[in-house]
Amino acid sequence: MTMHLDRLPRARLSRWPTPLEDAPRLARRLGVARLLVKRDDLTDLVLGGNKVRKLEFLLGDALARGADTVITTAGAQSNFLRLTAAAARRLGMASVLVVRGRPQAPSRGNLLLMRLFGADIRYVGTEDPLAPTTLAVMDEVAADVRRRGGQPYLVHLPTYSGGLAALGYVAGALELARQLSEQEVVPDTVVVAVGSGGTHAGLLLGLHLAQMRPRILGVSVNLPASDLRRLITAHLRDAAALLGVSSLPAEQEIAMTDNHIGPGYGIPTPESLDAVRLAADAEGLLLDPIYTGKAWAALTAAVRRGEIGRDATVVFIHTGGAPNVFLHGDALAGPAPSLLGAT
C-alpha cells in the first residue's frame, strides 16, 4: 500500500515517523492496563499537529497542478489554518484563509500565527463549516486570484478535499501499525478528536489495509455524530478510489460520539480543562481544551461506563493544538484532578 501512496504528489513537510510513547502514569490515572500516545503534536511544522499529514498530500497536489495560492476555510482558532499558512510560506505559495468568525477577533493563538505567516484573511459570518455562503466566498476569492494571473487551489476538508486529505492518515495509520507491530502491541481501542472527519477516515482505512481492527472511537468537537458518519463514509470512499483499493471498512465500524462538544466548537468544557491539567500533571504532556481535551474526556467517560475495560490497551492520537492552551489560561489555573476515569 505504501507504493500506492508513493505514486501521488506529496510535499514533504515533516520527518516521519512521529513517536508512539507509553504513558504509564496516565494509564493508571485513567484506569486501563496500558496507554500509548501517538505524538502527532510533534510534527515538524510550527507547533505541530495532525493536519501536517493532510497538507503533504493536499499541497503536493496543488504544486503538481501549478497552483501558487491555496484557499481554504475553518474557524478563527483553527489549527488547520495556522498550519496551512505556514506550509504555504515554506513551499513558496500564498494563502487566503476564509475564517468563520469576527473581524474584530484579537490577534491571539492560531489567529496571530496566521497573520505572522502573511495569510490574507477574509471573514464570513457563520460557524457552519458546510454553509453554502462559505463555499461561495471561496469561489469568489479563486476567481479574483485568476483575474490577477494567479493559479488558485481550493481546499474544503468536509467535502471535495476530504478523500485526498484522508490519505495523510492512511499513511499515518500504516506508520502506526508498523510501530505497534515492532512493540508487539495489539490495541483494543484508538481514540481521536474529530473535526472534519478526514483523520478518522484515514485511520479506519489505513488500519483496515494493515489488517489491524481495533475500535476507533472518534470524538466530535463540532458536528453531530450523524453528520460526521456521513462525511467519513464519503471520505473513505474517495480515499479508496484514489488508492485504487476496493476493500473498505464497514459503515458500522465508524464509532463516533458527540457527547463532549459542550457549548460549541472552540469552547472548552469543564472535562476538557480537567484533561489538560491531568495530562500535564501526570506525564508532562500538553493537551489542549478544544480537541485533545475533549477526546480525553470521552475516553474517560468510556472507561467509567465499562465500555473500555480496565484490562484494555488504548492508543490516544495526540493531534496537537498547543496554541489553544494559551487562550484559556485563567480557566486552566488550578490543581489537576486526582483521578479521571477510575472509580
Protein backbone atom coordinates (compact mmCIF):
# COMPACT_ATOMS: atom_id res chain seq x y z
CA MET A 1 0.00 0.00 0.00
CA THR A 2 2.94 2.34 0.60
CA MET A 3 3.70 2.04 -3.13
CA HIS A 4 0.22 3.33 -3.99
CA LEU A 5 0.73 6.35 -1.72
CA ASP A 6 4.17 6.99 -3.18
CA ARG A 7 2.68 7.43 -6.65
CA LEU A 8 0.79 10.52 -5.52
CA PRO A 9 2.29 14.03 -5.40
CA ARG A 10 3.42 14.87 -1.89
CA ALA A 11 5.03 17.96 -0.34
CA ARG A 12 7.39 16.83 2.44
CA LEU A 13 6.65 18.99 5.46
CA SER A 14 7.84 16.79 8.33
CA ARG A 15 10.06 13.90 9.33
CA TRP A 16 8.35 10.58 9.92
CA PRO A 17 7.52 8.61 11.99
CA THR A 18 6.27 10.58 14.95
CA PRO A 19 6.85 8.81 18.29
CA LEU A 20 4.49 6.27 19.83
CA GLU A 21 5.06 6.66 23.56
CA ASP A 22 3.94 4.75 26.62
CA ALA A 23 2.12 6.88 29.19
CA PRO A 24 2.08 4.63 32.28
CA ARG A 25 1.12 7.29 34.83
CA LEU A 26 -1.79 8.48 32.71
CA ALA A 27 -2.83 4.85 32.21
CA ARG A 28 -3.00 4.39 35.98
CA ARG A 29 -4.94 7.60 36.46
CA LEU A 30 -7.32 6.58 33.68
CA GLY A 31 -7.70 3.04 34.96
CA VAL A 32 -6.57 0.93 31.96
CA ALA A 33 -3.78 -1.60 31.57
CA ARG A 34 -1.78 0.35 29.00
CA LEU A 35 -1.96 3.70 27.26
CA LEU A 36 0.17 4.72 24.28
CA VAL A 37 0.17 8.23 22.84
CA LYS A 38 0.80 8.77 19.13
CA ARG A 39 2.65 12.09 19.19
CA ASP A 40 1.40 13.87 16.09
CA ASP A 41 1.73 17.06 18.09
CA LEU A 42 5.45 16.66 17.29
CA THR A 43 5.22 17.07 13.52
CA ASP A 44 7.84 19.49 12.21
CA LEU A 45 5.75 22.48 11.20
CA VAL A 46 5.08 25.42 13.51
CA LEU A 47 3.98 23.81 16.81
CA GLY A 48 2.92 20.60 15.08
CA GLY A 49 -0.39 18.82 14.72
CA ASN A 50 -2.20 16.16 12.73
CA LYS A 51 -3.09 18.45 9.81
CA VAL A 52 0.53 18.34 8.58
CA ARG A 53 -0.12 14.81 7.26
CA LYS A 54 -3.09 16.05 5.23
CA LEU A 55 -1.26 19.11 3.93
CA GLU A 56 1.52 16.97 2.49
CA PHE A 57 -0.96 15.42 0.05
CA LEU A 58 -3.15 18.49 -0.48
CA LEU A 59 -0.29 20.88 -1.22
CA GLY A 60 1.60 18.22 -3.14
CA ASP A 61 -1.40 18.05 -5.44
CA ALA A 62 -1.58 21.85 -5.57
CA LEU A 63 2.04 22.17 -6.65
CA ALA A 64 1.63 19.40 -9.21
CA ARG A 65 -1.23 21.41 -10.73
CA GLY A 66 0.88 24.59 -10.89
CA ALA A 67 -1.01 26.40 -8.13
CA ASP A 68 0.51 29.41 -6.41
CA THR A 69 -2.31 30.29 -3.97
CA VAL A 70 -4.11 27.97 -1.55
CA ILE A 71 -7.61 28.97 -0.46
CA THR A 72 -9.31 27.24 2.45
CA THR A 73 -11.64 27.81 5.38
CA ALA A 74 -12.11 27.00 9.08
CA GLY A 75 -12.73 28.71 12.42
CA ALA A 76 -10.74 31.63 13.78
CA GLN A 77 -8.61 29.45 16.06
CA SER A 78 -8.18 26.60 13.58
CA ASN A 79 -5.02 24.52 13.80
CA PHE A 80 -5.50 23.67 10.12
CA LEU A 81 -5.44 27.32 9.07
CA ARG A 82 -2.31 28.00 11.14
CA LEU A 83 -0.52 25.06 9.55
CA THR A 84 -1.80 25.89 6.04
CA ALA A 85 -0.42 29.43 6.30
CA ALA A 86 2.97 28.13 7.47
CA ALA A 87 3.13 25.33 4.88
CA ALA A 88 2.24 27.75 2.08
CA ARG A 89 5.11 30.02 3.08
CA ARG A 90 7.51 27.08 3.28
CA LEU A 91 6.53 26.00 -0.24
CA GLY A 92 6.61 29.50 -1.75
CA MET A 93 2.83 29.84 -2.05
CA ALA A 94 0.33 32.46 -0.91
CA SER A 95 -2.62 31.58 1.31
CA VAL A 96 -6.10 33.06 1.53
CA LEU A 97 -7.96 31.92 4.64
CA VAL A 98 -11.73 32.31 4.81
CA VAL A 99 -12.26 32.49 8.55
CA ARG A 100 -15.57 31.73 10.20
CA GLY A 101 -15.54 34.38 12.91
CA ARG A 102 -15.47 38.08 13.74
CA PRO A 103 -13.12 40.52 12.00
CA GLN A 104 -12.64 42.17 15.42
CA ALA A 105 -11.10 38.99 16.89
CA PRO A 106 -7.82 39.79 18.69
CA SER A 107 -4.52 38.53 17.32
CA ARG A 108 -4.01 35.67 19.73
CA GLY A 109 -3.29 31.96 19.43
CA ASN A 110 -3.63 30.48 15.95
CA LEU A 111 -5.02 33.72 14.51
CA LEU A 112 -1.85 35.55 15.50
CA LEU A 113 0.26 32.89 13.79
CA MET A 114 -1.82 33.04 10.59
CA ARG A 115 -1.14 36.77 10.43
CA LEU A 116 2.58 36.29 11.15
CA PHE A 117 2.78 33.89 8.21
CA GLY A 118 1.32 36.51 5.90
CA ALA A 119 -2.06 34.93 5.23
CA ASP A 120 -4.73 37.01 3.51
CA ILE A 121 -7.62 36.60 5.95
CA ARG A 122 -11.26 37.06 4.90
CA TYR A 123 -14.20 36.66 7.26
CA VAL A 124 -17.63 35.06 6.93
CA GLY A 125 -20.40 35.40 9.48
CA THR A 126 -21.19 31.74 10.00
CA GLU A 127 -19.94 28.99 12.27
CA ASP A 128 -21.25 26.24 9.97
CA PRO A 129 -18.39 24.52 8.09
CA LEU A 130 -20.86 23.30 5.46
CA ALA A 131 -22.55 26.67 4.84
CA PRO A 132 -23.01 27.45 1.10
CA THR A 133 -22.04 31.07 1.82
CA THR A 134 -18.54 29.96 2.81
CA LEU A 135 -18.08 27.95 -0.38
CA ALA A 136 -19.35 30.91 -2.41
CA VAL A 137 -16.77 33.23 -0.82
CA MET A 138 -14.01 30.74 -1.60
CA ASP A 139 -15.13 30.62 -5.23
CA GLU A 140 -15.14 34.43 -5.40
CA VAL A 141 -11.60 34.56 -3.99
CA ALA A 142 -10.46 31.97 -6.54
CA ALA A 143 -11.96 33.99 -9.39
CA ASP A 144 -10.12 37.09 -8.15
CA VAL A 145 -6.82 35.18 -7.98
CA ARG A 146 -7.31 34.07 -11.60
CA ARG A 147 -8.11 37.63 -12.72
CA ARG A 148 -4.78 38.73 -11.26
CA GLY A 149 -2.96 35.99 -13.18
CA GLY A 150 -2.57 33.53 -10.32
CA GLN A 151 -3.49 29.87 -10.08
CA PRO A 152 -5.69 29.06 -7.06
CA TYR A 153 -6.07 25.72 -5.30
CA LEU A 154 -9.20 25.34 -3.16
CA VAL A 155 -9.31 23.11 -0.10
CA HIS A 156 -12.54 22.28 1.71
CA LEU A 157 -11.91 19.46 4.14
CA PRO A 158 -15.52 18.47 4.88
CA THR A 159 -16.41 17.97 1.19
CA TYR A 160 -14.39 17.81 -2.03
CA SER A 161 -10.93 17.71 -0.39
CA GLY A 162 -11.81 15.08 2.20
CA GLY A 163 -10.64 11.99 0.32
CA LEU A 164 -7.22 13.38 -0.58
CA ALA A 165 -6.74 14.77 2.92
CA ALA A 166 -7.63 11.38 4.41
CA LEU A 167 -4.65 9.85 2.61
CA GLY A 168 -2.42 11.65 5.09
CA TYR A 169 -3.87 9.44 7.80
CA VAL A 170 -3.83 6.33 5.69
CA ALA A 171 -0.06 6.91 5.71
CA GLY A 172 -0.25 7.72 9.42
CA ALA A 173 -2.20 4.54 10.17
CA LEU A 174 0.29 2.38 8.27
CA GLU A 175 3.07 4.07 10.25
CA LEU A 176 1.19 3.39 13.50
CA ALA A 177 0.62 -0.25 12.51
CA ARG A 178 4.37 -0.72 11.98
CA GLN A 179 5.14 0.80 15.37
CA LEU A 180 2.56 -1.36 17.12
CA SER A 181 3.94 -4.48 15.44
CA GLU A 182 7.50 -3.57 16.42
CA GLN A 183 6.39 -3.11 20.03
CA GLU A 184 4.24 -6.28 19.87
CA VAL A 185 1.17 -4.30 20.92
CA VAL A 186 -2.38 -5.18 19.92
CA PRO A 187 -4.60 -2.22 20.87
CA ASP A 188 -8.23 -2.61 21.83
CA THR A 189 -9.22 1.00 21.16
CA VAL A 190 -7.80 4.01 19.30
CA VAL A 191 -9.20 7.41 20.38
CA VAL A 192 -9.05 10.54 18.20
CA ALA A 193 -10.63 14.01 18.16
CA VAL A 194 -12.70 14.62 15.01
CA GLY A 195 -13.41 17.89 13.22
CA SER A 196 -14.00 17.31 9.50
CA GLY A 197 -13.62 13.51 9.62
CA GLY A 198 -10.53 13.05 7.44
CA THR A 199 -8.21 11.88 10.21
CA HIS A 200 -10.78 9.34 11.41
CA ALA A 201 -11.42 8.11 7.86
CA GLY A 202 -7.71 7.72 7.14
CA LEU A 203 -7.12 5.81 10.37
CA LEU A 204 -10.01 3.47 9.61
CA LEU A 205 -8.85 2.77 6.08
CA GLY A 206 -5.15 2.53 6.89
CA LEU A 207 -5.56 0.14 9.81
CA HIS A 208 -8.07 -1.89 7.77
CA LEU A 209 -5.48 -2.24 4.98
CA ALA A 210 -2.84 -3.14 7.58
CA GLN A 211 -5.22 -5.87 8.82
CA MET A 212 -5.49 -4.32 12.27
CA ARG A 213 -9.00 -3.91 13.58
CA PRO A 214 -9.06 -2.00 16.88
CA ARG A 215 -12.17 0.01 17.62
CA ILE A 216 -11.51 3.61 16.56
CA LEU A 217 -13.52 5.94 18.77
CA GLY A 218 -13.99 9.34 17.16
CA VAL A 219 -14.85 12.27 19.40
CA SER A 220 -16.62 15.12 17.64
CA VAL A 221 -15.55 18.65 18.55
CA ASN A 222 -18.16 20.41 16.42
CA LEU A 223 -20.66 18.42 14.32
CA PRO A 224 -23.43 15.96 15.20
CA ALA A 225 -22.29 12.33 15.06
CA SER A 226 -24.75 11.55 12.26
CA ASP A 227 -23.23 14.28 10.06
CA LEU A 228 -19.70 13.04 10.74
CA ARG A 229 -20.58 9.43 9.93
CA ARG A 230 -21.87 10.61 6.57
CA LEU A 231 -18.73 12.66 5.92
CA ILE A 232 -16.40 9.86 7.00
CA THR A 233 -18.19 7.38 4.74
CA ALA A 234 -17.67 9.75 1.80
CA HIS A 235 -14.01 10.33 2.71
CA LEU A 236 -13.42 6.58 2.94
CA ARG A 237 -14.91 6.01 -0.50
CA ASP A 238 -12.94 8.85 -2.09
CA ALA A 239 -9.64 7.89 -0.44
CA ALA A 240 -10.04 4.27 -1.50
CA ALA A 241 -10.71 5.38 -5.09
CA LEU A 242 -7.52 7.46 -5.11
CA LEU A 243 -5.58 4.43 -3.90
CA GLY A 244 -7.30 2.02 -6.27
CA VAL A 245 -8.47 -0.30 -3.49
CA SER A 246 -11.88 -1.88 -3.18
CA SER A 247 -11.75 -3.20 0.39
CA LEU A 248 -13.38 -0.74 2.80
CA PRO A 249 -14.26 -0.81 6.49
CA ALA A 250 -17.93 -1.45 7.12
CA GLU A 251 -20.05 1.58 7.93
CA GLN A 252 -20.85 0.12 11.37
CA GLU A 253 -17.15 0.37 12.22
CA ILE A 254 -17.46 4.16 12.41
CA ALA A 255 -17.72 4.65 16.19
CA MET A 256 -18.49 8.27 16.97
CA THR A 257 -19.64 10.29 19.97
CA ASP A 258 -20.85 13.89 20.00
CA ASN A 259 -21.45 13.96 23.78
CA HIS A 260 -18.41 16.12 24.52
CA ILE A 261 -18.82 19.08 22.16
CA GLY A 262 -20.15 21.19 25.03
CA PRO A 263 -21.48 24.68 24.23
CA GLY A 264 -19.91 24.62 20.76
CA TYR A 265 -16.78 24.47 18.65
CA GLY A 266 -13.79 26.22 20.20
CA ILE A 267 -15.38 26.41 23.66
CA PRO A 268 -13.78 24.32 26.44
CA THR A 269 -15.81 22.15 28.77
CA PRO A 270 -15.03 21.54 32.45
CA GLU A 271 -14.00 17.99 31.50
CA SER A 272 -11.68 19.12 28.69
CA LEU A 273 -9.99 21.61 31.04
CA ASP A 274 -9.57 18.83 33.59
CA ALA A 275 -7.99 16.70 30.88
CA VAL A 276 -5.35 19.34 30.12
CA ARG A 277 -4.46 19.67 33.81
CA LEU A 278 -4.38 15.92 34.33
CA ALA A 279 -2.10 15.12 31.36
CA ALA A 280 0.27 17.93 32.34
CA ASP A 281 0.42 16.75 35.95
CA ALA A 282 0.71 13.02 35.24
CA GLU A 283 3.06 12.92 32.22
CA GLY A 284 4.23 16.44 31.40
CA LEU A 285 2.05 16.06 28.30
CA LEU A 286 0.34 19.12 26.87
CA LEU A 287 -3.19 18.53 25.58
CA ASP A 288 -5.50 21.35 24.51
CA PRO A 289 -9.05 22.04 25.73
CA ILE A 290 -10.66 22.21 22.27
CA TYR A 291 -9.60 18.96 20.54
CA THR A 292 -7.48 16.52 22.55
CA GLY A 293 -9.01 17.58 25.85
CA LYS A 294 -12.48 16.67 24.61
CA ALA A 295 -11.16 13.39 23.19
CA TRP A 296 -9.67 12.58 26.60
CA ALA A 297 -12.98 13.43 28.29
CA ALA A 298 -14.73 10.93 26.01
CA LEU A 299 -12.09 8.28 26.76
CA THR A 300 -12.56 8.85 30.48
CA ALA A 301 -16.33 8.51 30.17
CA ALA A 302 -15.97 5.28 28.17
CA VAL A 303 -13.77 3.76 30.90
CA ARG A 304 -16.19 4.84 33.61
CA ARG A 305 -19.09 3.21 31.76
CA GLY A 306 -17.15 -0.01 31.29
CA GLU A 307 -17.24 0.43 27.51
CA ILE A 308 -13.44 0.25 27.65
CA GLY A 309 -12.29 -2.39 30.12
CA ARG A 310 -9.63 -1.96 32.76
CA ASP A 311 -7.52 -4.63 31.05
CA ALA A 312 -7.57 -2.65 27.78
CA THR A 313 -4.68 -1.30 25.74
CA VAL A 314 -5.57 2.14 24.36
CA VAL A 315 -3.85 4.30 21.74
CA PHE A 316 -4.56 8.03 22.04
CA ILE A 317 -3.89 10.09 18.90
CA HIS A 318 -2.41 13.41 20.01
CA THR A 319 -3.50 15.74 17.22
CA GLY A 320 -1.77 18.85 18.59
CA GLY A 321 -3.41 22.22 19.26
CA ALA A 322 -0.89 23.85 21.61
CA PRO A 323 -1.80 27.47 20.69
CA ASN A 324 -5.31 26.94 22.05
CA VAL A 325 -3.95 26.33 25.56
CA PHE A 326 -2.80 29.94 25.84
CA LEU A 327 -6.27 31.29 25.08
CA HIS A 328 -7.67 29.72 28.25
CA GLY A 329 -5.05 30.44 30.90
CA ASP A 330 -7.50 31.71 33.52
CA ALA A 331 -9.79 28.71 33.10
CA LEU A 332 -6.86 26.29 33.31
CA ALA A 333 -5.49 27.76 36.55
CA GLY A 334 -5.95 25.45 39.49
CA PRO A 335 -4.91 21.96 40.60
CA ALA A 336 -5.07 18.87 38.44
CA PRO A 337 -7.82 16.39 39.29
CA SER A 338 -6.52 13.48 41.31
CA LEU A 339 -8.27 10.88 39.19
CA LEU A 340 -10.20 10.65 35.94
CA GLY A 341 -11.87 7.50 34.79
CA ALA A 342 -11.05 5.05 37.57
CA THR A 343 -13.56 4.60 40.35
